[in-house]
């Protein structure tokens, strides 16, 4: 793409302006044709260009724009939503963006694509012209289209760009419920008209779709990304999906220039920043974050990565643009807090009265039937203690206690906790197994105390053995169970809603 030579067509094009700037395309003067009644098409452009001209054919739209520019009207709710979207991406307030856009917009003028000079200023030339759903609305036929394309071409400096987005699939364009004429032509004819006018045509449909609809670069596990650039105090966003719930996720940012810092989050926060993140690294030079799969905050799935370009006198790189690559990979644990019972299958321990000990296991898939069993000496005359170890299994609490929500076992005979796919709480990933040194206060036991009462005075240092037995379930059977589980969960939610509505109805009556 180059020299008065770029023609593009795809929906939501303005969001791509930021990418142009990152590729060192300078925008000194920008003209938007067909702005409509709001500045929504140039919110992001205001970050890079301080001389923006808005234009439209409708005098009503021009009046709305002028009132906005003079702070006489508030932003329309639909426009405000777009400001909120950009606010999240740039980590700036809506007020800051609105103020920046007002300052960047220097003129608001009439425009007619079929008029030779397009706008009243005959000698005005622009680096970048943005046309939002106006070309086909203004043209009655292909001849008009070719004329309009040539008119716009003549308003660009050498090396300038036209960014065009159109709906060429319908003969009418609906705006606020009203139907307006729209020239319905094949996309190839639009490209031919652009080429005939002198443009070098570049169709960026897929690239733009990835940029606009995700705003994240998708990383492939184990593969280093290409080099990216981020200007001072800006962010570049990535995402990566994990496959194995029992492996750690490692994210490595390799510094090439400047000072990149690393921030990572999970849903619902898709745009991590210095103030909105779960994991971070801001060492000088390269940055590495290892998210350990046995951490309670870990859950396999999608992770969102923000690389921030830090600038300042306190770093050797000063105010240089950050250049870097990103690599995300899965790896085995470097340090384990305790043995994995899924691998080891069995472990022994000693628990004192009213104390806790912890074990863990990592379940690689939901398609297992699992039995966690605890055993200890129960024949009083052979046992060194009268205590009864209590078994607790938790999905998200590494230091689960008796009063916490968990799978619990306090019976004297049945000494196991079973986890199956039809249990709505069963999931792949880490489980934390707690052992509690249960005992009964002496005054509550008969005298002389019996072993099954477990008096605390004789319940210290109980030896126990914990085992994990598992059997895999066929993929077909497992998928059926999980589907039934999901349907059952949905029915429960619907029932709860009906019950709530019933209560409300009763209250009203």
Protein backbone atom coordinates (compact mmCIF):
# COMPACT_ATOMS: atom_id res chain seq x y z
CA UNK A 1 0.00 0.00 0.00
CA UNK A 2 1.41 3.42 -0.90
CA UNK A 3 1.15 6.76 -2.59
CA UNK A 4 -2.18 8.32 -3.16
CA UNK A 5 -2.71 4.82 -3.92
CA UNK A 6 -4.64 2.94 -1.31
CA UNK A 7 -8.27 2.02 -1.60
CA UNK A 8 -9.88 -0.13 1.08
CA UNK A 9 -13.35 -1.47 1.65
CA UNK A 10 -14.60 -3.13 4.82
CA UNK A 11 -16.92 -2.42 7.70
CA UNK A 12 -15.74 -0.38 10.74
CA UNK A 13 -12.66 0.91 8.96
CA UNK A 14 -11.85 3.82 11.33
CA UNK A 15 -10.52 1.38 13.92
CA UNK A 16 -7.75 0.52 11.48
CA UNK A 17 -6.28 4.03 11.55
CA UNK A 18 -4.30 3.13 14.64
CA UNK A 19 -2.62 0.28 12.78
CA UNK A 20 -1.63 2.63 9.94
CA UNK A 21 0.08 4.97 12.36
CA UNK A 22 2.01 2.09 13.94
CA UNK A 23 3.42 1.31 10.50
CA UNK A 24 4.90 4.84 10.31
CA UNK A 25 2.28 6.28 7.97
CA UNK A 26 2.13 9.98 8.82
CA UNK A 27 -1.27 11.68 8.81
CA UNK A 28 -0.88 15.47 8.96
CA UNK A 29 -4.27 16.40 7.48
CA UNK A 30 -7.34 14.16 7.44
CA UNK A 31 -10.68 14.67 5.70
CA UNK A 32 -13.73 12.59 6.53
CA UNK A 33 -16.47 12.67 3.89
CA UNK A 34 -19.93 11.64 5.05
CA UNK A 35 -19.33 12.19 8.76
CA UNK A 36 -23.03 12.14 9.55
CA UNK A 37 -24.20 13.90 12.73
CA UNK A 38 -21.31 12.74 14.96
CA UNK A 39 -17.49 12.49 15.14
CA UNK A 40 -17.60 8.71 15.72
CA UNK A 41 -15.48 7.98 12.63
CA UNK A 42 -12.47 9.94 13.88
CA UNK A 43 -12.28 9.15 17.62
CA UNK A 44 -9.13 7.06 17.19
CA UNK A 45 -7.75 9.36 14.47
CA UNK A 46 -7.55 12.21 16.97
CA UNK A 47 -4.66 10.43 18.68
CA UNK A 48 -2.48 10.73 15.57
CA UNK A 49 -3.77 13.70 13.58
CA UNK A 50 -4.29 17.23 14.92
CA UNK A 51 -5.83 18.69 11.76
CA UNK A 52 -9.11 16.92 10.96
CA UNK A 53 -11.88 18.21 8.70
CA UNK A 54 -15.37 16.73 9.03
CA UNK A 55 -17.79 17.08 6.12
CA UNK A 56 -21.26 16.01 5.02
CA UNK A 57 -23.84 16.68 2.29
CA UNK A 58 -26.69 17.10 4.81
CA UNK A 59 -27.09 20.55 6.39
CA UNK A 60 -28.86 18.87 9.31
CA UNK A 61 -25.84 16.68 9.98
CA UNK A 62 -23.51 19.67 9.70
CA UNK A 63 -25.61 21.54 12.28
CA UNK A 64 -25.38 18.57 14.68
CA UNK A 65 -21.60 18.46 14.21
CA UNK A 66 -21.23 22.19 14.85
CA UNK A 67 -23.35 21.99 18.01
CA UNK A 68 -21.21 19.11 19.26
CA UNK A 69 -18.00 20.99 18.43
CA UNK A 70 -19.23 24.02 20.38
CA UNK A 71 -20.31 21.79 23.33
CA UNK A 72 -23.96 22.74 22.85
CA UNK A 73 -25.23 19.15 22.78
CA UNK A 74 -24.33 15.91 24.54
CA UNK A 75 -23.17 12.82 22.67
CA UNK A 76 -25.95 10.56 21.37
CA UNK A 77 -26.15 7.25 23.36
CA UNK A 78 -25.05 5.24 20.30
CA UNK A 79 -22.06 7.54 19.77
CA UNK A 80 -21.30 7.51 23.49
CA UNK A 81 -21.06 3.71 23.32
CA UNK A 82 -18.38 4.02 20.62
CA UNK A 83 -16.48 6.49 22.79
CA UNK A 84 -16.66 3.96 25.65
CA UNK A 85 -15.22 1.25 23.37
CA UNK A 86 -12.28 3.44 22.40
CA UNK A 87 -11.92 4.53 26.03
CA UNK A 88 -11.38 0.92 27.04
CA UNK A 89 -8.86 0.33 24.26
CA UNK A 90 -6.80 3.45 24.94
CA UNK A 91 -7.22 3.45 28.73
CA UNK A 92 -8.52 7.03 28.63
CA UNK A 93 -11.76 8.52 29.91
CA UNK A 94 -14.63 9.41 27.56
CA UNK A 95 -14.18 13.04 28.59
CA UNK A 96 -10.50 12.96 27.57
CA UNK A 97 -11.35 11.42 24.19
CA UNK A 98 -14.18 13.88 23.55
CA UNK A 99 -11.90 16.81 24.40
CA UNK A 100 -9.09 15.43 22.22
CA UNK A 101 -11.45 14.93 19.27
CA UNK A 102 -12.84 18.49 19.54
CA UNK A 103 -9.31 19.91 19.53
CA UNK A 104 -8.29 17.76 16.56
CA UNK A 105 -11.31 18.78 14.46
CA UNK A 106 -10.34 22.10 12.85
CA UNK A 107 -13.19 22.48 10.31
CA UNK A 108 -16.73 21.28 9.64
CA UNK A 109 -17.78 21.92 6.03
CA UNK A 110 -20.16 20.91 3.25
CA UNK A 111 -19.07 18.13 0.86
CA UNK A 112 -20.42 16.75 -2.41
CA UNK A 113 -18.59 13.77 -3.94
CA UNK A 114 -19.91 14.64 -7.41
CA UNK A 115 -18.61 18.21 -7.17
CA UNK A 116 -15.19 18.45 -8.86
CA UNK A 117 -13.48 19.95 -5.81
CA UNK A 118 -15.61 17.85 -3.36
CA UNK A 119 -15.37 20.62 -0.73
CA UNK A 120 -15.44 24.44 -1.11
CA UNK A 121 -11.68 24.75 -0.51
CA UNK A 122 -10.29 24.27 -4.02
CA UNK A 123 -6.62 24.10 -3.07
CA UNK A 124 -6.99 21.87 0.00
CA UNK A 125 -5.03 18.61 -0.12
CA UNK A 126 -5.07 15.81 2.44
CA UNK A 127 -2.82 12.93 3.51
CA UNK A 128 -5.78 10.75 4.35
CA UNK A 129 -9.43 10.76 3.26
CA UNK A 130 -11.96 8.62 5.08
CA UNK A 131 -15.35 7.92 3.48
CA UNK A 132 -17.99 6.17 5.57
CA UNK A 133 -20.92 4.70 3.61
CA UNK A 134 -21.23 7.78 1.39
CA UNK A 135 -19.84 6.84 -2.03
CA UNK A 136 -22.63 4.51 -3.12
CA UNK A 137 -25.22 6.69 -1.42
CA UNK A 138 -24.16 9.69 -3.53
CA UNK A 139 -23.77 7.89 -6.87
CA UNK A 140 -26.68 6.95 -9.11
CA UNK A 141 -24.65 4.83 -11.54
CA UNK A 142 -21.14 3.55 -12.34
CA UNK A 143 -20.29 6.77 -14.20
CA UNK A 144 -21.01 8.75 -11.03
CA UNK A 145 -18.88 6.29 -9.06
CA UNK A 146 -15.91 6.78 -11.37
CA UNK A 147 -16.33 10.56 -11.26
CA UNK A 148 -16.52 10.63 -7.45
CA UNK A 149 -13.46 8.40 -7.17
CA UNK A 150 -11.45 10.73 -9.43
CA UNK A 151 -12.62 13.79 -7.48
CA UNK A 152 -11.42 12.27 -4.22
CA UNK A 153 -8.13 11.20 -5.82
CA UNK A 154 -7.45 14.82 -6.75
CA UNK A 155 -7.92 15.94 -3.13
CA UNK A 156 -5.03 13.75 -1.92
CA UNK A 157 -1.36 14.67 -1.77
CA UNK A 158 1.07 12.35 -3.50
CA UNK A 159 1.44 9.32 -1.26
CA UNK A 160 -1.96 9.96 0.37
CA UNK A 161 -4.58 7.36 1.26
CA UNK A 162 -8.27 6.85 0.71
CA UNK A 163 -9.97 4.60 3.24
CA UNK A 164 -13.37 3.62 1.86
CA UNK A 165 -16.01 1.49 3.55
CA UNK A 166 -19.26 0.72 1.77
CA UNK A 167 -22.26 -1.58 1.82
CA UNK A 168 -22.52 -2.75 -1.79
CA UNK A 169 -25.04 -5.55 -1.12
CA UNK A 170 -28.23 -3.47 -0.81
CA UNK A 171 -30.06 -0.91 -2.95
CA UNK A 172 -31.16 1.07 0.10
CA UNK A 173 -29.31 2.27 3.19
CA UNK A 174 -31.33 2.46 6.40
CA UNK A 175 -30.52 5.32 8.78
CA UNK A 176 -32.73 5.79 11.86
CA UNK A 177 -35.50 3.83 10.16
CA UNK A 178 -35.41 5.87 6.94
CA UNK A 179 -34.42 4.33 3.59
CA UNK A 180 -31.91 6.16 1.38
CA UNK A 181 -30.72 5.34 -2.14
CA UNK A 182 -27.64 3.12 -2.27
CA UNK A 183 -25.95 2.07 -5.52
CA UNK A 184 -25.78 -1.71 -5.58
CA UNK A 185 -22.70 -2.80 -7.55
CA UNK A 186 -20.24 -5.65 -7.52
CA UNK A 187 -17.23 -5.03 -5.27
CA UNK A 188 -14.96 -5.57 -8.25
CA UNK A 189 -16.51 -2.55 -10.00
CA UNK A 190 -15.61 -0.37 -7.02
CA UNK A 191 -12.02 -1.59 -7.20
CA UNK A 192 -11.94 -0.97 -10.96
CA UNK A 193 -13.26 2.59 -10.47
CA UNK A 194 -10.54 3.22 -7.87
CA UNK A 195 -7.83 1.85 -10.16
CA UNK A 196 -9.14 3.91 -13.08
CA UNK A 197 -8.91 7.05 -10.93
CA UNK A 198 -5.24 6.32 -10.28
CA UNK A 199 -5.30 4.46 -6.97
CA UNK A 200 -3.24 1.37 -6.26
CA UNK A 201 -5.93 -0.95 -4.92
CA UNK A 202 -5.41 -3.01 -1.77
CA UNK A 203 -8.28 -5.05 -0.33
CA UNK A 204 -7.67 -5.70 3.37
CA UNK A 205 -10.93 -7.47 4.21
CA UNK A 206 -9.50 -10.34 6.30
CA UNK A 207 -6.77 -8.30 7.96
CA UNK A 208 -9.23 -5.58 8.91
CA UNK A 209 -11.78 -8.08 10.17
CA UNK A 210 -9.17 -9.51 12.56
CA UNK A 211 -8.17 -6.05 13.77
CA UNK A 212 -11.66 -4.61 14.17
CA UNK A 213 -13.62 -7.52 15.54
CA UNK A 214 -11.07 -8.82 18.02
CA UNK A 215 -8.59 -5.97 18.61
CA UNK A 216 -6.25 -8.79 19.66
CA UNK A 217 -3.50 -10.59 17.78
CA UNK A 218 -4.05 -14.33 18.21
CA UNK A 219 -0.89 -16.13 19.33
CA UNK A 220 -0.06 -19.76 18.55
CA UNK A 221 1.27 -21.72 21.52
CA UNK A 222 5.00 -22.30 21.24
CA UNK A 223 5.46 -19.92 18.29
CA UNK A 224 7.15 -16.52 18.49
CA UNK A 225 5.12 -13.65 17.04
CA UNK A 226 6.40 -11.21 14.45
CA UNK A 227 7.87 -7.94 15.66
CA UNK A 228 5.38 -5.27 16.81
CA UNK A 229 5.73 -1.56 17.58
CA UNK A 230 3.96 0.37 20.32
CA UNK A 231 4.32 4.10 20.93
CA UNK A 232 4.92 5.66 24.34
CA UNK A 233 2.13 4.84 26.82
CA UNK A 234 0.17 2.81 24.24
CA UNK A 235 -0.81 -0.86 24.47
CA UNK A 236 -0.73 -3.68 21.94
CA UNK A 237 -3.09 -6.57 22.70
CA UNK A 238 -2.80 -10.31 22.13
CA UNK A 239 -4.73 -13.41 23.14
CA UNK A 240 -3.85 -17.08 23.51
CA UNK A 241 -5.84 -20.18 24.40
CA UNK A 242 -4.41 -22.89 26.66
CA UNK A 243 -5.01 -26.59 26.04
CA UNK A 244 -3.71 -28.46 29.09
CA UNK A 245 -5.15 -27.51 32.52
CA UNK A 246 -2.21 -29.22 34.24
CA UNK A 247 0.58 -27.23 32.57
CA UNK A 248 1.80 -23.73 33.39
CA UNK A 249 1.39 -20.89 30.89
CA UNK A 250 4.57 -18.95 30.13
CA UNK A 251 4.41 -15.60 28.33
CA UNK A 252 7.71 -14.09 27.20
CA UNK A 253 8.14 -10.60 25.72
CA UNK A 254 11.46 -10.16 23.94
CA UNK A 255 12.65 -6.57 23.90
CA UNK A 256 14.03 -5.26 20.61
CA UNK A 257 13.81 -1.52 21.26
CA UNK A 258 12.26 0.72 23.88
CA UNK A 259 10.82 -0.59 27.15
CA UNK A 260 7.87 -3.02 26.78
CA UNK A 261 6.01 -4.06 29.94
CA UNK A 262 3.74 -7.09 30.21
CA UNK A 263 0.20 -7.35 31.67
CA UNK A 264 -2.10 -10.40 31.54
CA UNK A 265 -5.75 -10.98 32.46
CA UNK A 266 -8.65 -13.41 32.10
CA UNK A 267 -12.26 -12.72 31.17
CA UNK A 268 -14.18 -10.54 31.66
CA UNK A 269 -11.18 -8.16 31.46
CA UNK A 270 -9.95 -8.47 27.86
CA UNK A 271 -7.78 -5.36 27.87
CA UNK A 272 -5.29 -5.59 30.75
CA UNK A 273 -3.50 -2.40 31.76
CA UNK A 274 -1.24 -1.31 34.59
CA UNK A 275 -4.37 -0.82 36.74
CA UNK A 276 -6.50 -3.69 35.39
CA UNK A 277 -4.59 -6.97 35.36
CA UNK A 278 -3.96 -10.18 37.32
CA UNK A 279 -0.36 -10.91 36.33
CA UNK A 280 2.39 -8.48 35.32
CA UNK A 281 6.10 -8.03 34.65
CA UNK A 282 7.81 -4.67 34.22
CA UNK A 283 11.49 -5.50 34.44
CA UNK A 284 13.86 -3.50 32.26
CA UNK A 285 14.49 -5.41 29.04
CA UNK A 286 12.72 -8.73 28.48
CA UNK A 287 9.61 -9.64 30.48
CA UNK A 288 8.41 -13.08 31.57
CA UNK A 289 5.26 -14.18 33.39
CA UNK A 290 4.66 -17.81 34.38
CA UNK A 291 1.07 -18.53 35.41
CA UNK A 292 1.17 -21.68 37.51
CA UNK A 293 -1.69 -24.06 36.85
CA UNK A 294 -2.01 -24.92 40.55
CA UNK A 295 -2.73 -21.29 41.46
CA UNK A 296 -6.41 -20.73 42.42
CA UNK A 297 -6.68 -17.92 39.83
CA UNK A 298 -5.62 -20.24 36.99
CA UNK A 299 -8.22 -21.75 34.67
CA UNK A 300 -7.41 -23.15 31.27
CA UNK A 301 -8.97 -21.25 28.39
CA UNK A 302 -8.41 -17.81 26.88
CA UNK A 303 -5.82 -15.38 28.28
CA UNK A 304 -5.46 -11.73 27.26
CA UNK A 305 -2.06 -10.06 27.01
CA UNK A 306 -1.30 -6.35 26.94
CA UNK A 307 2.17 -5.04 26.11
CA UNK A 308 2.65 -1.46 27.26
CA UNK A 309 5.34 0.90 25.95
CA UNK A 310 6.83 2.52 29.04
CA UNK A 311 8.68 5.79 28.53
CA UNK A 312 10.49 8.12 30.89
CA UNK A 313 13.77 9.46 32.17
CA UNK A 314 14.01 6.60 34.67
CA UNK A 315 14.71 4.00 31.94
CA UNK A 316 17.75 3.90 29.61
CA UNK A 317 15.50 3.79 26.53
CA UNK A 318 13.88 7.15 27.37
CA UNK A 319 10.93 7.94 25.09
CA UNK A 320 11.65 5.43 22.34
CA UNK A 321 8.88 3.44 20.66
CA UNK A 322 8.80 -0.11 22.03
CA UNK A 323 9.53 -2.91 19.57
CA UNK A 324 9.12 -6.51 20.69
CA UNK A 325 7.98 -10.07 19.99
CA UNK A 326 5.68 -12.20 22.14
CA UNK A 327 5.84 -15.96 22.75
CA UNK A 328 3.27 -17.95 24.75
CA UNK A 329 3.91 -21.59 25.62
CA UNK A 330 2.77 -24.34 27.98
CA UNK A 331 5.31 -26.04 30.24
CA UNK A 332 5.56 -28.49 33.13
CA UNK A 333 5.82 -27.06 36.63
CA UNK A 334 9.28 -25.75 37.50
CA UNK A 335 8.45 -25.75 41.22
CA UNK A 336 5.62 -27.80 42.69
CA UNK A 337 4.15 -26.89 46.09
CA UNK A 338 3.41 -30.56 46.76
CA UNK A 339 3.36 -33.86 44.82
CA UNK A 340 0.60 -34.38 42.26
CA UNK A 341 -1.56 -37.28 43.46
CA UNK A 342 -2.85 -37.77 39.92
CA UNK A 343 0.63 -38.94 39.00
CA UNK A 344 1.74 -40.38 42.34
CA UNK A 345 -1.63 -42.06 43.09
CA UNK A 346 -0.84 -42.49 46.81
CA UNK A 347 0.67 -40.50 49.65
CA UNK A 348 1.11 -40.88 53.42
CA UNK A 349 1.09 -38.35 56.20
CA UNK A 350 0.63 -37.62 59.89
CA UNK A 351 -1.99 -35.16 61.10
CA UNK A 352 -2.18 -33.63 64.56
CA UNK A 353 -5.47 -32.86 66.32
CA UNK A 354 -7.36 -29.83 64.98
CA UNK A 355 -4.64 -29.21 62.39
CA UNK A 356 -4.69 -29.29 58.57
CA UNK A 357 -2.46 -30.87 55.94
CA UNK A 358 -2.84 -30.44 52.21
CA UNK A 359 -2.37 -32.47 49.04
CA UNK A 360 -3.33 -31.76 45.45
CA UNK A 361 -4.11 -33.46 42.16
CA UNK A 362 -4.57 -32.19 38.62
CA UNK A 363 -7.33 -33.78 36.54
CA UNK A 364 -6.51 -33.41 32.81
CA UNK A 365 -10.08 -33.93 31.60
CA UNK A 366 -13.68 -34.06 32.82
CA UNK A 367 -14.00 -37.55 31.35
CA UNK A 368 -12.91 -39.47 34.46
CA UNK A 369 -14.64 -41.22 37.35
CA UNK A 370 -12.45 -40.44 40.36
CA UNK A 371 -12.36 -41.82 43.89
CA UNK A 372 -10.29 -40.05 46.56
CA UNK A 373 -9.88 -42.41 49.53
CA UNK A 374 -8.40 -41.90 52.98
CA UNK A 375 -7.54 -44.68 55.42
CA UNK A 376 -6.06 -44.80 58.90
CA UNK A 377 -5.84 -47.14 61.86
CA UNK A 378 -9.32 -47.82 63.28
CA UNK A 379 -8.70 -50.80 65.55
CA UNK A 380 -8.36 -49.08 68.91
CA UNK A 381 -6.01 -51.54 70.58
CA UNK A 382 -3.53 -51.37 67.68
CA UNK A 383 -3.71 -47.61 67.08
CA UNK A 384 -1.46 -44.98 68.57
CA UNK A 385 -4.24 -42.37 68.39
CA UNK A 386 -8.02 -42.12 68.59
CA UNK A 387 -8.22 -39.27 66.05
CA UNK A 388 -10.19 -39.43 62.78
CA UNK A 389 -8.70 -37.62 59.77
CA UNK A 390 -11.46 -35.81 57.90
CA UNK A 391 -11.23 -35.55 54.09
CA UNK A 392 -12.01 -32.31 52.21
CA UNK A 393 -11.78 -31.79 48.43
CA UNK A 394 -11.99 -28.31 46.87
CA UNK A 395 -11.74 -27.06 43.28
CA UNK A 396 -10.60 -23.51 44.01
CA UNK A 397 -9.38 -23.28 47.61
CA UNK A 398 -5.79 -24.51 48.21
CA UNK A 399 -6.26 -24.25 51.98
CA UNK A 400 -9.80 -25.55 52.30
CA UNK A 401 -11.25 -25.68 55.82
CA UNK A 402 -14.08 -27.68 57.40
CA UNK A 403 -16.52 -24.76 57.16
CA UNK A 404 -15.72 -24.01 53.52
CA UNK A 405 -17.73 -25.14 50.51
CA UNK A 406 -16.18 -28.44 49.40
CA UNK A 407 -16.71 -32.14 48.93
CA UNK A 408 -16.55 -33.34 52.56
CA UNK A 409 -16.13 -36.68 54.27
CA UNK A 410 -16.74 -36.99 58.00
CA UNK A 411 -18.12 -40.53 58.20
CA UNK A 412 -16.33 -43.30 60.03
CA UNK A 413 -17.01 -46.11 57.56
CA UNK A 414 -17.26 -44.67 54.03
CA UNK A 415 -13.82 -43.19 53.56
CA UNK A 416 -13.89 -41.72 50.06
CA UNK A 417 -15.07 -38.75 48.00
CA UNK A 418 -16.22 -39.47 44.46
CA UNK A 419 -16.00 -37.05 41.53
CA UNK A 420 -17.94 -37.82 38.34
CA UNK A 421 -18.70 -35.93 35.10
CA UNK A 422 -22.41 -35.68 35.92
CA UNK A 423 -21.53 -33.55 38.96
CA UNK A 424 -22.05 -29.89 37.92
CA UNK A 425 -19.01 -28.90 39.99
CA UNK A 426 -16.71 -31.44 38.34
CA UNK A 427 -14.21 -29.83 35.97
CA UNK A 428 -10.73 -30.38 34.57
CA UNK A 429 -7.87 -28.77 36.45
CA UNK A 430 -6.40 -28.70 39.94
CA UNK A 431 -8.13 -30.02 43.05
CA UNK A 432 -6.94 -29.30 46.57
CA UNK A 433 -7.26 -32.07 49.14
CA UNK A 434 -7.34 -31.10 52.79
CA UNK A 435 -6.91 -33.45 55.76
CA UNK A 436 -8.30 -32.22 59.08
CA UNK A 437 -7.32 -33.77 62.42
CA UNK A 438 -10.83 -34.27 63.75
CA UNK A 439 -11.42 -35.07 67.42
CA UNK A 440 -14.09 -34.67 70.15
CA UNK A 441 -13.61 -32.56 73.23
CA UNK A 442 -12.91 -34.87 76.19
CA UNK A 443 -15.91 -33.72 78.23
CA UNK A 444 -18.23 -34.79 75.40
CA UNK A 445 -16.90 -38.36 75.34
CA UNK A 446 -18.09 -41.08 77.72
CA UNK A 447 -15.77 -42.13 80.51
CA UNK A 448 -13.70 -44.09 80.00
CA UNK A 449 -13.46 -42.76 76.41
CA UNK A 450 -14.15 -45.12 73.51
CA UNK A 451 -12.02 -45.10 70.35
CA UNK A 452 -14.92 -44.16 68.05
CA UNK A 453 -15.51 -41.02 70.09
CA UNK A 454 -12.01 -39.74 69.27
CA UNK A 455 -11.23 -37.74 72.44
CA UNK A 456 -8.87 -34.85 71.71
CA UNK A 457 -6.52 -35.81 74.55
CA UNK A 458 -5.74 -39.04 72.70
CA UNK A 459 -6.12 -37.90 69.09
CA UNK A 460 -2.73 -36.43 68.21
CA UNK A 461 -0.44 -37.48 65.35
CA UNK A 462 -2.68 -39.80 63.37
CA UNK A 463 -1.02 -41.64 60.48
CA UNK A 464 -3.09 -41.79 57.30
CA UNK A 465 -2.88 -42.90 53.68
CA UNK A 466 -4.58 -41.08 50.83
CA UNK A 467 -5.17 -42.69 47.43
CA UNK A 468 -6.55 -41.55 44.09
CA UNK A 469 -8.24 -44.15 41.88
CA UNK A 470 -9.58 -43.15 38.48
CA UNK A 471 -11.16 -44.75 35.46
CA UNK A 472 -11.51 -43.01 32.10
CA UNK A 473 -14.87 -42.64 30.36
CA UNK A 474 -15.19 -42.97 26.59
CA UNK A 475 -15.34 -39.71 24.66
CA UNK A 476 -18.81 -40.46 23.27
CA UNK A 477 -20.27 -41.33 26.66
CA UNK A 478 -18.58 -38.37 28.31
CA UNK A 479 -19.93 -35.90 25.73
CA UNK A 480 -23.43 -37.25 26.34
CA UNK A 481 -23.07 -36.85 30.12
CA UNK A 482 -21.72 -33.31 29.81
CA UNK A 483 -24.53 -32.34 27.43
CA UNK A 484 -27.14 -33.70 29.85
CA UNK A 485 -25.41 -31.87 32.70
CA UNK A 486 -25.54 -28.59 30.79
CA UNK A 487 -29.21 -29.04 29.90
CA UNK A 488 -30.02 -29.87 33.51
CA UNK A 489 -28.22 -26.74 34.65
CA UNK A 490 -30.18 -24.60 32.16
CA UNK A 491 -33.48 -26.09 33.35
CA UNK A 492 -32.54 -25.30 36.95
CA UNK A 493 -31.83 -21.67 36.01
CA UNK A 494 -35.16 -21.37 34.18
CA UNK A 495 -37.00 -22.92 37.14
CA UNK A 496 -35.35 -20.43 39.47
CA UNK A 497 -36.53 -17.57 37.26
CA UNK A 498 -40.11 -18.88 37.24
CA UNK A 499 -40.05 -19.26 41.01
CA UNK A 500 -38.79 -15.70 41.35
CA UNK A 501 -41.49 -14.42 38.98
CA UNK A 502 -44.07 -16.33 41.00
CA UNK A 503 -42.95 -14.60 44.17
CA UNK A 504 -43.07 -11.21 42.46
CA UNK A 505 -46.55 -11.91 41.11
CA UNK A 506 -47.70 -12.93 44.57
CA UNK A 507 -46.28 -9.76 46.09
CA UNK A 508 -48.02 -7.59 43.48
CA UNK A 509 -51.36 -9.32 44.01
